[in-house]
Amino acid sequence: MRGVHVWIPVSAVALSFGALLVASSTNGQAPSAGPTAEQVSRVLAEARAAIGGGLSAMKTLVVTGRTRQVRGDNLVPIEFEIQAELPDRFARRDEFPAQDAGPAVTGFNGDRFVQSPAPQPPPTRPGGPAPTPQQMEAAARQQLVTAKQEFARLMLGVFASSYSSYPLSFAYAGQAEAPQGRADVIDVTGEGDFAARLFIDGKTHLPVMLSWQARPAPARGRGPGGPGRGGAVPDSSTPPAAPPAPVENRLYFAEYRSFDGLQLPTRVRRAVGGETTEETTFDRFRINARVDPRRFESGG
């Protein structure tokens, strides 16, 4: 597809992995310690300066846009609105014009997962057991982690930042190159198994790609298999299937424009295992706009 960048690590540059990480700072970010600390701090400072000086003053965020999701031979349209009250309240509301389904909201409020409509436990087989409290609790924990990781990736790719609701640590990995030029590469780690690589353009100092390994996730919306992005509580009467192998996920950021004094991407392409799965257009970013507190409550 047009505009795709293939970034290749520069073999002559020594990559530094496993650097010691210092404790998180108050904004949820921890640069690496040791020889790469100065490099990662420089690259991130340049990126945030290129995005805009008002970034540190951002308290709330409202984003509207459209996604076209690939499902088989079809492109499914999704219209969305994201509201965030930093650092620990986030919600995404999806509408599906081509589906006979109402809006779906997922996100988090502190350490509570937010979903609307609320997921329903799957019907049990005749004579089969209902989901156990342990299964319900485990599903809720995983939904919260998934929502916080989605938030973390958005903040990384759009603002080159992280927040205390899901603090991240950064280490300088080296440089990568493509026909379009070179990019600085930042290794990013977080709670649990969160790991990603952020690619920042060496000329513009703006984020151009975020990559990570993950198992295939359910599609947005309500397909035949469940209620949507938040997932459902597993049926305790069905033996668990073997999980699929992780595949590479990539987000490509492009077509930057100015919104409220910040340079932000208006086009994002997602690829899973080398195949495009989503194309997103951000129509508008509103910084420090009023948010609806009901959005951060289940059923809101």
C-alpha atoms as a PDB file:
ATOM      1  CA  MET A   1       0.000   0.000   0.000  1.00  0.00           C
ATOM      2  CA  ARG A   2       1.082   3.592  -0.616  1.00  0.00           C
ATOM      3  CA  GLY A   3       3.134   5.185   2.144  1.00  0.00           C
ATOM      4  CA  VAL A   4       4.298   1.956   3.814  1.00  0.00           C
ATOM      5  CA  HIS A   5       7.721   2.241   5.465  1.00  0.00           C
ATOM      6  CA  VAL A   6       9.835  -0.870   6.000  1.00  0.00           C
ATOM      7  CA  TRP A   7      12.338  -0.105   8.748  1.00  0.00           C
ATOM      8  CA  ILE A   8      15.506  -2.231   8.841  1.00  0.00           C
ATOM      9  CA  PRO A   9      17.879  -2.177  11.856  1.00  0.00           C
ATOM     10  CA  VAL A  10      21.289  -0.694  11.057  1.00  0.00           C
ATOM     11  CA  SER A  11      23.774  -3.497  11.690  1.00  0.00           C
ATOM     12  CA  ALA A  12      26.645  -1.097  12.348  1.00  0.00           C
ATOM     13  CA  VAL A  13      24.845   0.383  15.332  1.00  0.00           C
ATOM     14  CA  ALA A  14      25.239  -1.531  18.572  1.00  0.00           C
ATOM     15  CA  LEU A  15      21.830  -2.310  20.040  1.00  0.00           C
ATOM     16  CA  SER A  16      21.559  -2.043  23.799  1.00  0.00           C
ATOM     17  CA  PHE A  17      19.028  -4.427  25.345  1.00  0.00           C
ATOM     18  CA  GLY A  18      18.337  -5.277  28.939  1.00  0.00           C
ATOM     19  CA  ALA A  19      19.490  -1.901  30.253  1.00  0.00           C
ATOM     20  CA  LEU A  20      18.761  -1.255  33.898  1.00  0.00           C
ATOM     21  CA  LEU A  21      15.635   0.858  34.414  1.00  0.00           C
ATOM     22  CA  VAL A  22      15.204   3.457  37.122  1.00  0.00           C
ATOM     23  CA  ALA A  23      12.004   3.948  39.085  1.00  0.00           C
ATOM     24  CA  SER A  24       9.107   5.651  37.304  1.00  0.00           C
ATOM     25  CA  SER A  25       8.956   9.427  37.465  1.00  0.00           C
ATOM     26  CA  THR A  26       5.812  11.286  38.426  1.00  0.00           C
ATOM     27  CA  ASN A  27       4.443  11.268  34.866  1.00  0.00           C
ATOM     28  CA  GLY A  28       4.782   7.516  34.561  1.00  0.00           C
ATOM     29  CA  GLN A  29       7.948   7.494  32.461  1.00  0.00           C
ATOM     30  CA  ALA A  30      11.331   5.967  33.276  1.00  0.00           C
ATOM     31  CA  PRO A  31      14.311   6.471  30.975  1.00  0.00           C
ATOM     32  CA  SER A  32      16.930   3.760  30.905  1.00  0.00           C
ATOM     33  CA  ALA A  33      19.958   3.949  33.150  1.00  0.00           C
ATOM     34  CA  GLY A  34      23.527   3.454  32.035  1.00  0.00           C
ATOM     35  CA  PRO A  35      25.104   4.410  28.692  1.00  0.00           C
ATOM     36  CA  THR A  36      21.802   4.790  26.806  1.00  0.00           C
ATOM     37  CA  ALA A  37      20.097   7.096  29.316  1.00  0.00           C
ATOM     38  CA  GLU A  38      21.301  10.279  27.632  1.00  0.00           C
ATOM     39  CA  GLN A  39      20.371   9.009  24.162  1.00  0.00           C
ATOM     40  CA  VAL A  40      16.834   7.928  25.043  1.00  0.00           C
ATOM     41  CA  SER A  41      16.213  11.158  26.967  1.00  0.00           C
ATOM     42  CA  ARG A  42      17.431  13.191  23.982  1.00  0.00           C
ATOM     43  CA  VAL A  43      15.312  11.304  21.442  1.00  0.00           C
ATOM     44  CA  LEU A  44      12.141  11.517  23.542  1.00  0.00           C
ATOM     45  CA  ALA A  45      12.728  15.200  24.343  1.00  0.00           C
ATOM     46  CA  GLU A  46      13.179  15.961  20.631  1.00  0.00           C
ATOM     47  CA  ALA A  47      10.006  14.045  19.796  1.00  0.00           C
ATOM     48  CA  ARG A  48       7.918  15.861  22.397  1.00  0.00           C
ATOM     49  CA  ALA A  49       9.337  19.214  21.296  1.00  0.00           C
ATOM     50  CA  ALA A  50       8.440  18.392  17.668  1.00  0.00           C
ATOM     51  CA  ILE A  51       4.899  17.429  18.696  1.00  0.00           C
ATOM     52  CA  GLY A  52       4.501  20.719  20.552  1.00  0.00           C
ATOM     53  CA  GLY A  53       5.328  22.628  23.693  1.00  0.00           C
ATOM     54  CA  GLY A  54       1.793  22.401  25.044  1.00  0.00           C
ATOM     55  CA  LEU A  55       2.015  18.642  25.499  1.00  0.00           C
ATOM     56  CA  SER A  56       2.940  18.850  29.181  1.00  0.00           C
ATOM     57  CA  ALA A  57      -0.163  20.940  29.884  1.00  0.00           C
ATOM     58  CA  MET A  58      -2.593  18.394  28.405  1.00  0.00           C
ATOM     59  CA  LYS A  59      -5.116  17.258  31.029  1.00  0.00           C
ATOM     60  CA  THR A  60      -7.983  15.994  28.881  1.00  0.00           C
ATOM     61  CA  LEU A  61      -8.251  14.693  25.336  1.00  0.00           C
ATOM     62  CA  VAL A  62     -11.159  14.157  22.951  1.00  0.00           C
ATOM     63  CA  VAL A  63     -10.498  12.475  19.592  1.00  0.00           C
ATOM     64  CA  THR A  64     -13.003  11.722  16.837  1.00  0.00           C
ATOM     65  CA  GLY A  65     -12.386   9.697  13.720  1.00  0.00           C
ATOM     66  CA  ARG A  66     -13.194   6.782  11.456  1.00  0.00           C
ATOM     67  CA  THR A  67     -11.744   3.312  11.001  1.00  0.00           C
ATOM     68  CA  ARG A  68     -12.092   0.916   8.089  1.00  0.00           C
ATOM     69  CA  GLN A  69     -11.482  -2.615   9.300  1.00  0.00           C
ATOM     70  CA  VAL A  70     -10.663  -5.509   7.004  1.00  0.00           C
ATOM     71  CA  ARG A  71     -12.903  -8.542   7.605  1.00  0.00           C
ATOM     72  CA  GLY A  72     -12.443 -11.121   4.892  1.00  0.00           C
ATOM     73  CA  ASP A  73     -13.170  -9.407   1.580  1.00  0.00           C
ATOM     74  CA  ASN A  74     -15.080  -6.566   3.234  1.00  0.00           C
ATOM     75  CA  LEU A  75     -14.127  -3.189   4.690  1.00  0.00           C
ATOM     76  CA  VAL A  76     -16.243  -2.548   7.789  1.00  0.00           C
ATOM     77  CA  PRO A  77     -16.672   1.129   8.759  1.00  0.00           C
ATOM     78  CA  ILE A  78     -16.386   2.176  12.403  1.00  0.00           C
ATOM     79  CA  GLU A  79     -16.924   5.692  13.746  1.00  0.00           C
ATOM     80  CA  PHE A  80     -15.314   6.398  17.102  1.00  0.00           C
ATOM     81  CA  GLU A  81     -14.816   8.943  19.821  1.00  0.00           C
ATOM     82  CA  ILE A  82     -12.059   8.721  22.421  1.00  0.00           C
ATOM     83  CA  GLN A  83     -12.265  10.630  25.692  1.00  0.00           C
ATOM     84  CA  ALA A  84      -9.452  10.697  28.240  1.00  0.00           C
ATOM     85  CA  GLU A  85      -8.964  12.489  31.526  1.00  0.00           C
ATOM     86  CA  LEU A  86      -5.286  12.061  32.270  1.00  0.00           C
ATOM     87  CA  PRO A  87      -3.727  10.147  33.761  1.00  0.00           C
ATOM     88  CA  ASP A  88      -6.206   7.413  34.699  1.00  0.00           C
ATOM     89  CA  ARG A  89      -9.545   7.709  32.860  1.00  0.00           C
ATOM     90  CA  PHE A  90      -9.968   6.550  29.269  1.00  0.00           C
ATOM     91  CA  ALA A  91     -12.902   5.431  27.126  1.00  0.00           C
ATOM     92  CA  ARG A  92     -13.408   4.646  23.452  1.00  0.00           C
ATOM     93  CA  ARG A  93     -16.930   4.637  21.986  1.00  0.00           C
ATOM     94  CA  ASP A  94     -17.379   2.757  18.698  1.00  0.00           C
ATOM     95  CA  GLU A  95     -20.393   2.959  16.393  1.00  0.00           C
ATOM     96  CA  PHE A  96     -20.963   0.499  13.538  1.00  0.00           C
ATOM     97  CA  PRO A  97     -23.017   2.082  10.716  1.00  0.00           C
ATOM     98  CA  ALA A  98     -23.070  -1.112   8.654  1.00  0.00           C
ATOM     99  CA  GLN A  99     -24.178  -3.373  11.503  1.00  0.00           C
ATOM    100  CA  ASP A 100     -27.447  -3.811  13.324  1.00  0.00           C
ATOM    101  CA  ALA A 101     -25.807  -3.064  16.664  1.00  0.00           C
ATOM    102  CA  GLY A 102     -25.688  -0.190  19.097  1.00  0.00           C
ATOM    103  CA  PRO A 103     -22.577   1.669  20.233  1.00  0.00           C
ATOM    104  CA  ALA A 104     -19.916  -0.118  22.292  1.00  0.00           C
ATOM    105  CA  VAL A 105     -17.732   1.563  24.918  1.00  0.00           C
ATOM    106  CA  THR A 106     -14.580   0.155  26.479  1.00  0.00           C
ATOM    107  CA  GLY A 107     -11.944   1.744  28.684  1.00  0.00           C
ATOM    108  CA  PHE A 108     -10.931   2.128  32.306  1.00  0.00           C
ATOM    109  CA  ASN A 109     -11.464   4.365  35.306  1.00  0.00           C
ATOM    110  CA  GLY A 110      -8.522   3.967  37.654  1.00  0.00           C
ATOM    111  CA  ASP A 111      -8.333   0.232  38.252  1.00  0.00           C
ATOM    112  CA  ARG A 112     -11.876  -0.511  37.060  1.00  0.00           C
ATOM    113  CA  PHE A 113     -12.634  -1.802  33.578  1.00  0.00           C
ATOM    114  CA  VAL A 114     -15.374   0.124  31.809  1.00  0.00           C
ATOM    115  CA  GLN A 115     -17.645  -1.521  29.259  1.00  0.00           C
ATOM    116  CA  SER A 116     -21.045  -0.689  27.830  1.00  0.00           C
ATOM    117  CA  PRO A 117     -23.203  -2.591  27.267  1.00  0.00           C
ATOM    118  CA  ALA A 118     -22.049  -4.910  30.023  1.00  0.00           C
ATOM    119  CA  PRO A 119     -20.877  -8.331  28.796  1.00  0.00           C
ATOM    120  CA  GLN A 120     -23.221 -11.218  29.453  1.00  0.00           C
ATOM    121  CA  PRO A 121     -21.917 -14.586  30.666  1.00  0.00           C
ATOM    122  CA  PRO A 122     -22.262 -17.174  27.910  1.00  0.00           C
ATOM    123  CA  PRO A 123     -25.151 -19.599  28.220  1.00  0.00           C
ATOM    124  CA  THR A 124     -24.075 -22.835  29.783  1.00  0.00           C
ATOM    125  CA  ARG A 125     -24.741 -26.177  28.185  1.00  0.00           C
ATOM    126  CA  PRO A 126     -27.646 -28.117  29.688  1.00  0.00           C
ATOM    127  CA  GLY A 127     -26.309 -29.527  32.910  1.00  0.00           C
ATOM    128  CA  GLY A 128     -23.000 -27.692  32.539  1.00  0.00           C
ATOM    129  CA  PRO A 129     -21.488 -25.444  35.209  1.00  0.00           C
ATOM    130  CA  ALA A 130     -21.714 -21.645  35.136  1.00  0.00           C
ATOM    131  CA  PRO A 131     -18.480 -19.619  34.983  1.00  0.00           C
ATOM    132  CA  THR A 132     -16.746 -19.703  38.336  1.00  0.00           C
ATOM    133  CA  PRO A 133     -16.021 -16.531  40.340  1.00  0.00           C
ATOM    134  CA  GLN A 134     -12.331 -17.124  39.647  1.00  0.00           C
ATOM    135  CA  GLN A 135     -12.975 -17.179  35.899  1.00  0.00           C
ATOM    136  CA  MET A 136     -15.068 -14.027  36.122  1.00  0.00           C
ATOM    137  CA  GLU A 137     -12.343 -12.270  38.104  1.00  0.00           C
ATOM    138  CA  ALA A 138      -9.586 -13.397  35.728  1.00  0.00           C
ATOM    139  CA  ALA A 139     -11.595 -12.199  32.715  1.00  0.00           C
ATOM    140  CA  ALA A 140     -12.142  -8.798  34.361  1.00  0.00           C
ATOM    141  CA  ARG A 141      -8.428  -8.439  35.111  1.00  0.00           C
ATOM    142  CA  GLN A 142      -7.508  -9.267  31.521  1.00  0.00           C
ATOM    143  CA  GLN A 143     -10.059  -6.791  30.153  1.00  0.00           C
ATOM    144  CA  LEU A 144      -8.575  -4.043  32.331  1.00  0.00           C
ATOM    145  CA  VAL A 145      -5.033  -4.857  31.199  1.00  0.00           C
ATOM    146  CA  THR A 146      -6.132  -4.869  27.538  1.00  0.00           C
ATOM    147  CA  ALA A 147      -7.796  -1.445  27.889  1.00  0.00           C
ATOM    148  CA  LYS A 148      -4.757   0.052  29.636  1.00  0.00           C
ATOM    149  CA  GLN A 149      -2.381  -1.337  27.012  1.00  0.00           C
ATOM    150  CA  GLU A 150      -4.506   0.143  24.219  1.00  0.00           C
ATOM    151  CA  PHE A 151      -4.318   3.498  26.001  1.00  0.00           C
ATOM    152  CA  ALA A 152      -0.550   3.136  26.450  1.00  0.00           C
ATOM    153  CA  ARG A 153      -0.004   2.425  22.735  1.00  0.00           C
ATOM    154  CA  LEU A 154      -2.112   5.428  21.742  1.00  0.00           C
ATOM    155  CA  MET A 155      -0.120   7.729  24.040  1.00  0.00           C
ATOM    156  CA  LEU A 156       3.146   6.278  22.760  1.00  0.00           C
ATOM    157  CA  GLY A 157       2.412   6.539  19.065  1.00  0.00           C
ATOM    158  CA  VAL A 158       0.645   9.898  19.078  1.00  0.00           C
ATOM    159  CA  PHE A 159       2.379  11.779  21.916  1.00  0.00           C
ATOM    160  CA  ALA A 160       5.632   9.805  22.536  1.00  0.00           C
ATOM    161  CA  SER A 161       4.554   9.733  26.187  1.00  0.00           C
ATOM    162  CA  SER A 162       3.274   7.495  28.957  1.00  0.00           C
ATOM    163  CA  TYR A 163       1.261   8.119  32.099  1.00  0.00           C
ATOM    164  CA  SER A 164       1.121   6.809  35.653  1.00  0.00           C
ATOM    165  CA  SER A 165      -2.030   4.751  34.974  1.00  0.00           C
ATOM    166  CA  TYR A 166       0.216   2.411  32.962  1.00  0.00           C
ATOM    167  CA  PRO A 167       3.847   3.508  33.484  1.00  0.00           C
ATOM    168  CA  LEU A 168       6.409   2.591  30.865  1.00  0.00           C
ATOM    169  CA  SER A 169      10.197   2.403  30.787  1.00  0.00           C
ATOM    170  CA  PHE A 170      12.348   3.374  27.818  1.00  0.00           C
ATOM    171  CA  ALA A 171      15.750   2.193  26.548  1.00  0.00           C
ATOM    172  CA  TYR A 172      17.614   3.313  23.446  1.00  0.00           C
ATOM    173  CA  ALA A 173      17.901   0.421  20.961  1.00  0.00           C
ATOM    174  CA  GLY A 174      19.796   2.101  18.102  1.00  0.00           C
ATOM    175  CA  GLN A 175      18.732   3.219  14.635  1.00  0.00           C
ATOM    176  CA  ALA A 176      16.774   1.742  11.755  1.00  0.00           C
ATOM    177  CA  GLU A 177      16.680   2.811   8.133  1.00  0.00           C
ATOM    178  CA  ALA A 178      14.326   2.789   5.165  1.00  0.00           C
ATOM    179  CA  PRO A 179      14.432   4.456   1.748  1.00  0.00           C
ATOM    180  CA  GLN A 180      12.726   7.441   3.389  1.00  0.00           C
ATOM    181  CA  GLY A 181      15.554   7.914   5.915  1.00  0.00           C
ATOM    182  CA  ARG A 182      16.629   6.843   9.371  1.00  0.00           C
ATOM    183  CA  ALA A 183      14.677   6.459  12.582  1.00  0.00           C
ATOM    184  CA  ASP A 184      15.742   6.243  16.207  1.00  0.00           C
ATOM    185  CA  VAL A 185      14.411   3.097  17.878  1.00  0.00           C
ATOM    186  CA  ILE A 186      13.217   3.059  21.497  1.00  0.00           C
ATOM    187  CA  ASP A 187      12.558  -0.172  23.387  1.00  0.00           C
ATOM    188  CA  VAL A 188       9.496   0.226  25.607  1.00  0.00           C
ATOM    189  CA  THR A 189       8.505  -2.073  28.470  1.00  0.00           C
ATOM    190  CA  GLY A 190       5.691  -2.011  30.994  1.00  0.00           C
ATOM    191  CA  GLU A 191       3.750  -4.055  33.499  1.00  0.00           C
ATOM    192  CA  GLY A 192       3.417  -7.766  32.793  1.00  0.00           C
ATOM    193  CA  ASP A 193       4.483  -8.743  29.299  1.00  0.00           C
ATOM    194  CA  PHE A 194       4.107  -5.299  27.700  1.00  0.00           C
ATOM    195  CA  ALA A 195       6.936  -4.703  25.231  1.00  0.00           C
ATOM    196  CA  ALA A 196       7.070  -2.540  22.124  1.00  0.00           C
ATOM    197  CA  ARG A 197       9.404  -0.615  19.858  1.00  0.00           C
ATOM    198  CA  LEU A 198       8.806   3.026  19.011  1.00  0.00           C
ATOM    199  CA  PHE A 199      10.356   4.367  15.788  1.00  0.00           C
ATOM    200  CA  ILE A 200      10.945   8.142  15.656  1.00  0.00           C
ATOM    201  CA  ASP A 201      11.881   9.841  12.392  1.00  0.00           C
ATOM    202  CA  GLY A 202      15.447  11.135  12.471  1.00  0.00           C
ATOM    203  CA  LYS A 203      14.578  14.331  10.532  1.00  0.00           C
ATOM    204  CA  THR A 204      11.130  15.361  11.751  1.00  0.00           C
ATOM    205  CA  HIS A 205      11.543  13.753  15.210  1.00  0.00           C
ATOM    206  CA  LEU A 206       7.906  12.625  15.002  1.00  0.00           C
ATOM    207  CA  PRO A 207       6.750   9.039  15.712  1.00  0.00           C
ATOM    208  CA  VAL A 208       6.365   6.993  12.525  1.00  0.00           C
ATOM    209  CA  MET A 209       5.800   3.424  13.736  1.00  0.00           C
ATOM    210  CA  LEU A 210       5.064   1.330  16.818  1.00  0.00           C
ATOM    211  CA  SER A 211       5.581  -2.439  16.743  1.00  0.00           C
ATOM    212  CA  TRP A 212       4.894  -5.242  19.213  1.00  0.00           C
ATOM    213  CA  GLN A 213       4.192  -8.958  19.398  1.00  0.00           C
ATOM    214  CA  ALA A 214       0.693 -10.122  20.368  1.00  0.00           C
ATOM    215  CA  ARG A 215      -1.740 -12.968  19.876  1.00  0.00           C
ATOM    216  CA  PRO A 216      -4.521 -12.196  17.380  1.00  0.00           C
ATOM    217  CA  ALA A 217      -7.324 -10.246  19.038  1.00  0.00           C
ATOM    218  CA  PRO A 218     -11.074 -10.345  18.324  1.00  0.00           C
ATOM    219  CA  ALA A 219     -12.332  -7.783  15.825  1.00  0.00           C
ATOM    220  CA  ARG A 220     -14.018  -4.602  17.025  1.00  0.00           C
ATOM    221  CA  GLY A 221     -17.797  -4.781  17.092  1.00  0.00           C
ATOM    222  CA  ARG A 222     -20.168  -7.631  17.706  1.00  0.00           C
ATOM    223  CA  GLY A 223     -19.380 -10.519  15.465  1.00  0.00           C
ATOM    224  CA  PRO A 224     -20.970 -13.922  15.674  1.00  0.00           C
ATOM    225  CA  GLY A 225     -18.610 -14.998  18.425  1.00  0.00           C
ATOM    226  CA  GLY A 226     -19.178 -12.466  21.147  1.00  0.00           C
ATOM    227  CA  PRO A 227     -20.027  -9.009  22.359  1.00  0.00           C
ATOM    228  CA  GLY A 228     -17.065  -7.130  20.966  1.00  0.00           C
ATOM    229  CA  ARG A 229     -13.800  -5.552  21.966  1.00  0.00           C
ATOM    230  CA  GLY A 230     -14.044  -6.238  25.687  1.00  0.00           C
ATOM    231  CA  GLY A 231     -14.511  -9.975  25.329  1.00  0.00           C
ATOM    232  CA  ALA A 232     -16.795 -12.327  27.198  1.00  0.00           C
ATOM    233  CA  VAL A 233     -16.414 -14.494  30.223  1.00  0.00           C
ATOM    234  CA  PRO A 234     -15.264 -17.943  29.103  1.00  0.00           C
ATOM    235  CA  ASP A 235     -17.686 -20.850  29.140  1.00  0.00           C
ATOM    236  CA  SER A 236     -16.459 -23.101  31.928  1.00  0.00           C
ATOM    237  CA  SER A 237     -18.049 -26.149  30.284  1.00  0.00           C
ATOM    238  CA  THR A 238     -15.797 -25.852  27.202  1.00  0.00           C
ATOM    239  CA  PRO A 239     -12.170 -27.022  27.450  1.00  0.00           C
ATOM    240  CA  PRO A 240      -9.797 -24.097  26.722  1.00  0.00           C
ATOM    241  CA  ALA A 241      -8.291 -24.101  23.253  1.00  0.00           C
ATOM    242  CA  ALA A 242      -4.568 -23.710  22.707  1.00  0.00           C
ATOM    243  CA  PRO A 243      -3.741 -19.992  22.331  1.00  0.00           C
ATOM    244  CA  PRO A 244      -2.599 -18.838  18.878  1.00  0.00           C
ATOM    245  CA  ALA A 245       1.056 -17.955  18.393  1.00  0.00           C
ATOM    246  CA  PRO A 246       2.010 -14.260  18.783  1.00  0.00           C
ATOM    247  CA  VAL A 247       2.401 -12.257  15.578  1.00  0.00           C
ATOM    248  CA  GLU A 248       3.937  -8.855  14.894  1.00  0.00           C
ATOM    249  CA  ASN A 249       1.605  -5.875  15.099  1.00  0.00           C
ATOM    250  CA  ARG A 250       2.523  -2.520  13.613  1.00  0.00           C
ATOM    251  CA  LEU A 251       0.956   0.930  13.717  1.00  0.00           C
ATOM    252  CA  TYR A 252       2.145   3.384  11.054  1.00  0.00           C
ATOM    253  CA  PHE A 253       1.592   7.104  11.777  1.00  0.00           C
ATOM    254  CA  ALA A 254       1.408   9.606   8.920  1.00  0.00           C
ATOM    255  CA  GLU A 255      -0.039  12.858   7.549  1.00  0.00           C
ATOM    256  CA  TYR A 256       0.664  15.104  10.506  1.00  0.00           C
ATOM    257  CA  ARG A 257      -1.411  18.263  11.025  1.00  0.00           C
ATOM    258  CA  SER A 258      -1.645  20.936  13.673  1.00  0.00           C
ATOM    259  CA  PHE A 259      -4.366  20.603  16.335  1.00  0.00           C
ATOM    260  CA  ASP A 260      -4.455  23.137  19.177  1.00  0.00           C
ATOM    261  CA  GLY A 261      -0.778  23.853  18.588  1.00  0.00           C
ATOM    262  CA  LEU A 262       0.312  20.188  18.516  1.00  0.00           C
ATOM    263  CA  GLN A 263       1.579  18.260  15.473  1.00  0.00           C
ATOM    264  CA  LEU A 264      -0.475  15.053  15.452  1.00  0.00           C
ATOM    265  CA  PRO A 265      -1.034  12.232  12.932  1.00  0.00           C
ATOM    266  CA  THR A 266      -4.292  12.065  10.992  1.00  0.00           C
ATOM    267  CA  ARG A 267      -3.669   8.667   9.363  1.00  0.00           C
ATOM    268  CA  VAL A 268      -2.840   5.405  11.138  1.00  0.00           C
ATOM    269  CA  ARG A 269      -2.508   2.042   9.451  1.00  0.00           C
ATOM    270  CA  ARG A 270      -2.453  -1.179  11.462  1.00  0.00           C
ATOM    271  CA  ALA A 271      -0.801  -4.320  10.116  1.00  0.00           C
ATOM    272  CA  VAL A 272      -0.870  -7.751  11.761  1.00  0.00           C
ATOM    273  CA  GLY A 273       1.565 -10.357  10.496  1.00  0.00           C
ATOM    274  CA  GLY A 274       2.360  -8.121   7.523  1.00  0.00           C
ATOM    275  CA  GLU A 275      -1.292  -7.765   6.440  1.00  0.00           C
ATOM    276  CA  THR A 276      -3.244  -4.531   6.783  1.00  0.00           C
ATOM    277  CA  THR A 277      -6.186  -4.973   9.168  1.00  0.00           C
ATOM    278  CA  GLU A 278      -7.284  -1.394   9.897  1.00  0.00           C
ATOM    279  CA  GLU A 279      -6.954   2.072   8.400  1.00  0.00           C
ATOM    280  CA  THR A 280      -7.857   4.926  10.750  1.00  0.00           C
ATOM    281  CA  THR A 281      -8.430   8.616  10.074  1.00  0.00           C
ATOM    282  CA  PHE A 282      -8.281  11.002  13.029  1.00  0.00           C
ATOM    283  CA  ASP A 283     -10.631  13.846  12.092  1.00  0.00           C
ATOM    284  CA  ARG A 284     -10.110  16.007  15.136  1.00  0.00           C
ATOM    285  CA  PHE A 285      -8.085  16.234  18.342  1.00  0.00           C
ATOM    286  CA  ARG A 286      -9.370  18.547  21.075  1.00  0.00           C
ATOM    287  CA  ILE A 287      -6.881  19.245  23.848  1.00  0.00           C
ATOM    288  CA  ASN A 288      -8.173  20.173  27.324  1.00  0.00           C
ATOM    289  CA  ALA A 289     -11.756  19.965  26.094  1.00  0.00           C
ATOM    290  CA  ARG A 290     -14.624  19.118  28.394  1.00  0.00           C
ATOM    291  CA  VAL A 291     -15.185  15.381  28.826  1.00  0.00           C
ATOM    292  CA  ASP A 292     -18.329  13.565  29.904  1.00  0.00           C
ATOM    293  CA  PRO A 293     -17.702  11.888  33.291  1.00  0.00           C
ATOM    294  CA  ARG A 294     -20.477   9.379  32.537  1.00  0.00           C
ATOM    295  CA  ARG A 295     -18.343   7.966  29.742  1.00  0.00           C
ATOM    296  CA  PHE A 296     -15.977   6.491  32.328  1.00  0.00           C
ATOM    297  CA  GLU A 297     -18.685   4.431  34.006  1.00  0.00           C
ATOM    298  CA  SER A 298     -19.974   1.072  32.800  1.00  0.00           C
ATOM    299  CA  GLY A 299     -23.285   1.652  31.108  1.00  0.00           C
ATOM    300  CA  GLY A 300     -22.402   5.322  30.489  1.00  0.00           C
END
